[in-house]
């Protein structure tokens, strides 16, 4: 979700791809008004919601698709 799960009724499941150094990455598309991405992790059975606080990633630059 984004902006404090604003309007989120159907959360998406996005697989993480392993990268070097034990890191993982994924690609998502968020609306151009999003300022924060909200998320949790799951192994398919359990969810890690950070103790109910969830995880958040601030967006510092917003690019609208199709704009240069």
N, C-alpha and C. Protein backbone atom coordinates (compact mmCIF):
# COMPACT_ATOMS: atom_id res chain seq x y z
N UNK A 1 0.82 -1.18 0.00
CA UNK A 1 0.00 0.00 0.00
C UNK A 1 0.87 1.24 0.00
N UNK A 2 0.25 2.37 0.16
CA UNK A 2 0.97 3.64 0.18
C UNK A 2 0.23 4.65 1.05
N UNK A 3 0.96 5.65 1.49
CA UNK A 3 0.42 6.75 2.28
C UNK A 3 -0.44 6.25 3.45
N UNK A 4 0.12 5.36 4.26
CA UNK A 4 -0.62 4.84 5.42
C UNK A 4 -1.72 3.88 5.04
N UNK A 5 -1.48 3.08 4.00
CA UNK A 5 -2.45 2.10 3.48
C UNK A 5 -3.71 2.79 3.00
N UNK A 6 -3.61 4.04 2.59
CA UNK A 6 -4.75 4.84 2.14
C UNK A 6 -5.49 4.15 1.00
N UNK A 7 -6.73 3.83 1.20
CA UNK A 7 -7.57 3.25 0.17
C UNK A 7 -7.24 1.81 -0.20
N UNK A 8 -6.36 1.17 0.55
CA UNK A 8 -5.93 -0.20 0.21
C UNK A 8 -6.99 -1.20 0.63
N UNK A 9 -7.57 -1.89 -0.35
CA UNK A 9 -8.56 -2.91 -0.06
C UNK A 9 -8.12 -4.28 -0.56
N UNK A 10 -7.14 -4.31 -1.46
CA UNK A 10 -6.68 -5.57 -2.04
C UNK A 10 -5.16 -5.53 -2.15
N UNK A 11 -4.44 -5.80 -1.06
CA UNK A 11 -2.98 -5.71 -1.10
C UNK A 11 -2.39 -6.69 -2.11
N UNK A 12 -1.33 -6.26 -2.77
CA UNK A 12 -0.68 -7.12 -3.76
C UNK A 12 0.42 -7.94 -3.12
N UNK A 13 0.63 -9.14 -3.63
CA UNK A 13 1.74 -9.98 -3.21
C UNK A 13 2.81 -9.90 -4.28
N UNK A 14 3.99 -9.50 -3.88
CA UNK A 14 5.10 -9.30 -4.83
C UNK A 14 6.26 -10.17 -4.38
N UNK A 15 6.72 -11.09 -5.24
CA UNK A 15 7.86 -11.92 -4.85
C UNK A 15 9.15 -11.12 -4.81
N UNK A 16 10.00 -11.47 -3.87
CA UNK A 16 11.32 -10.83 -3.76
C UNK A 16 12.35 -11.68 -4.48
N UNK A 17 13.22 -11.01 -5.24
CA UNK A 17 14.30 -11.70 -5.95
C UNK A 17 15.58 -11.55 -5.15
N UNK A 18 16.30 -12.64 -4.89
CA UNK A 18 17.55 -12.55 -4.14
C UNK A 18 18.62 -11.81 -4.93
N UNK A 19 19.42 -11.04 -4.21
CA UNK A 19 20.54 -10.28 -4.79
C UNK A 19 21.79 -10.58 -3.98
N UNK A 20 22.90 -9.98 -4.37
CA UNK A 20 24.17 -10.18 -3.66
C UNK A 20 24.08 -9.66 -2.23
N UNK A 21 24.88 -10.23 -1.36
CA UNK A 21 24.97 -9.75 0.01
C UNK A 21 23.76 -10.06 0.87
N UNK A 22 22.95 -11.05 0.48
CA UNK A 22 21.79 -11.40 1.28
C UNK A 22 20.63 -10.44 1.14
N UNK A 23 20.71 -9.54 0.19
CA UNK A 23 19.63 -8.57 -0.03
C UNK A 23 18.61 -9.15 -1.01
N UNK A 24 17.46 -8.51 -1.05
CA UNK A 24 16.40 -8.89 -1.98
C UNK A 24 15.86 -7.63 -2.63
N UNK A 25 15.21 -7.81 -3.79
CA UNK A 25 14.61 -6.66 -4.47
C UNK A 25 13.33 -7.08 -5.15
N UNK A 26 12.49 -6.08 -5.38
CA UNK A 26 11.27 -6.28 -6.14
C UNK A 26 10.97 -4.98 -6.88
N UNK A 27 10.09 -5.06 -7.84
CA UNK A 27 9.67 -3.88 -8.58
C UNK A 27 8.17 -3.75 -8.45
N UNK A 28 7.72 -2.57 -8.06
CA UNK A 28 6.29 -2.30 -7.95
C UNK A 28 6.00 -0.97 -8.62
N UNK A 29 4.76 -0.75 -8.96
CA UNK A 29 4.30 0.52 -9.49
C UNK A 29 3.38 1.14 -8.46
N UNK A 30 3.64 2.39 -8.13
CA UNK A 30 2.79 3.10 -7.16
C UNK A 30 2.20 4.32 -7.85
N UNK A 31 1.07 4.81 -7.36
CA UNK A 31 0.49 6.00 -7.98
C UNK A 31 1.40 7.21 -7.80
N UNK A 32 1.29 8.18 -8.70
CA UNK A 32 2.19 9.33 -8.66
C UNK A 32 1.99 10.23 -7.45
N UNK A 33 0.92 10.05 -6.70
CA UNK A 33 0.71 10.86 -5.50
C UNK A 33 1.29 10.21 -4.24
N UNK A 34 1.83 8.99 -4.37
CA UNK A 34 2.35 8.27 -3.21
C UNK A 34 3.59 8.96 -2.66
N UNK A 35 3.65 9.09 -1.37
CA UNK A 35 4.81 9.66 -0.68
C UNK A 35 5.50 8.63 0.21
N UNK A 36 4.75 7.58 0.57
CA UNK A 36 5.28 6.50 1.42
C UNK A 36 4.73 5.17 0.90
N UNK A 37 5.59 4.16 0.83
CA UNK A 37 5.16 2.80 0.50
C UNK A 37 5.07 2.02 1.81
N UNK A 38 3.94 1.36 2.04
CA UNK A 38 3.70 0.57 3.24
C UNK A 38 3.72 -0.90 2.86
N UNK A 39 4.36 -1.74 3.69
CA UNK A 39 4.46 -3.15 3.33
C UNK A 39 4.72 -4.03 4.54
N UNK A 40 4.56 -5.34 4.32
CA UNK A 40 4.92 -6.36 5.30
C UNK A 40 5.55 -7.50 4.53
N UNK A 41 6.08 -8.48 5.23
CA UNK A 41 6.72 -9.63 4.62
C UNK A 41 5.93 -10.89 4.96
N UNK A 42 5.97 -11.87 4.05
CA UNK A 42 5.28 -13.13 4.28
C UNK A 42 6.06 -14.27 3.65
N UNK A 43 6.01 -15.42 4.30
CA UNK A 43 6.59 -16.64 3.71
C UNK A 43 5.49 -17.47 3.06
N UNK A 44 4.32 -16.91 2.91
CA UNK A 44 3.18 -17.60 2.34
C UNK A 44 2.22 -18.15 3.37
N UNK A 45 2.72 -18.26 4.61
CA UNK A 45 1.88 -18.75 5.71
C UNK A 45 1.75 -17.72 6.83
N UNK A 46 2.87 -17.12 7.17
CA UNK A 46 2.90 -16.15 8.26
C UNK A 46 3.25 -14.78 7.71
N UNK A 47 2.84 -13.74 8.45
CA UNK A 47 3.14 -12.37 8.06
C UNK A 47 4.00 -11.70 9.12
N UNK A 48 5.03 -10.99 8.69
CA UNK A 48 5.84 -10.15 9.58
C UNK A 48 5.36 -8.73 9.37
N UNK A 49 4.59 -8.23 10.34
CA UNK A 49 4.03 -6.89 10.25
C UNK A 49 4.77 -5.90 11.15
N UNK A 50 5.99 -6.28 11.57
CA UNK A 50 6.77 -5.40 12.43
C UNK A 50 6.00 -5.08 13.71
N UNK A 51 5.42 -6.13 14.30
CA UNK A 51 4.67 -5.94 15.54
C UNK A 51 3.40 -5.13 15.36
N UNK A 52 2.83 -5.14 14.16
CA UNK A 52 1.62 -4.38 13.88
C UNK A 52 1.89 -2.97 13.38
N UNK A 53 3.16 -2.55 13.42
CA UNK A 53 3.52 -1.20 12.96
C UNK A 53 3.77 -1.18 11.45
N UNK A 54 3.92 -2.35 10.84
CA UNK A 54 4.23 -2.51 9.43
C UNK A 54 5.56 -1.83 9.08
N UNK A 55 5.94 -1.94 7.85
CA UNK A 55 7.19 -1.34 7.37
C UNK A 55 6.82 -0.22 6.41
N UNK A 56 7.64 0.82 6.37
CA UNK A 56 7.35 1.99 5.54
C UNK A 56 8.63 2.47 4.87
N UNK A 57 8.51 2.90 3.63
CA UNK A 57 9.65 3.43 2.90
C UNK A 57 9.21 4.76 2.28
N UNK A 58 9.86 5.83 2.71
CA UNK A 58 9.54 7.15 2.17
C UNK A 58 10.07 7.28 0.74
N UNK A 59 9.28 7.92 -0.10
CA UNK A 59 9.68 8.20 -1.47
C UNK A 59 10.12 9.65 -1.55
N UNK A 60 11.35 9.87 -1.99
CA UNK A 60 11.83 11.25 -2.03
C UNK A 60 11.78 11.85 -3.43
N UNK A 61 11.54 11.03 -4.42
CA UNK A 61 11.43 11.54 -5.78
C UNK A 61 10.33 10.76 -6.48
N UNK A 62 9.39 11.47 -7.05
CA UNK A 62 8.29 10.83 -7.72
C UNK A 62 8.41 11.10 -9.21
N UNK A 63 8.36 10.06 -10.01
CA UNK A 63 8.42 10.18 -11.46
C UNK A 63 7.15 9.60 -12.04
N UNK A 64 6.48 10.36 -12.86
CA UNK A 64 5.28 9.90 -13.51
C UNK A 64 5.71 9.15 -14.77
N UNK A 65 5.16 7.93 -14.94
CA UNK A 65 5.49 7.15 -16.13
C UNK A 65 5.15 7.94 -17.38
N UNK A 66 6.04 7.91 -18.34
CA UNK A 66 5.82 8.61 -19.60
C UNK A 66 6.41 10.01 -19.62
N UNK A 67 6.83 10.51 -18.47
CA UNK A 67 7.48 11.82 -18.40
C UNK A 67 8.98 11.64 -18.36
N UNK A 68 9.70 12.52 -19.03
CA UNK A 68 11.18 12.44 -19.03
C UNK A 68 11.77 13.30 -17.96
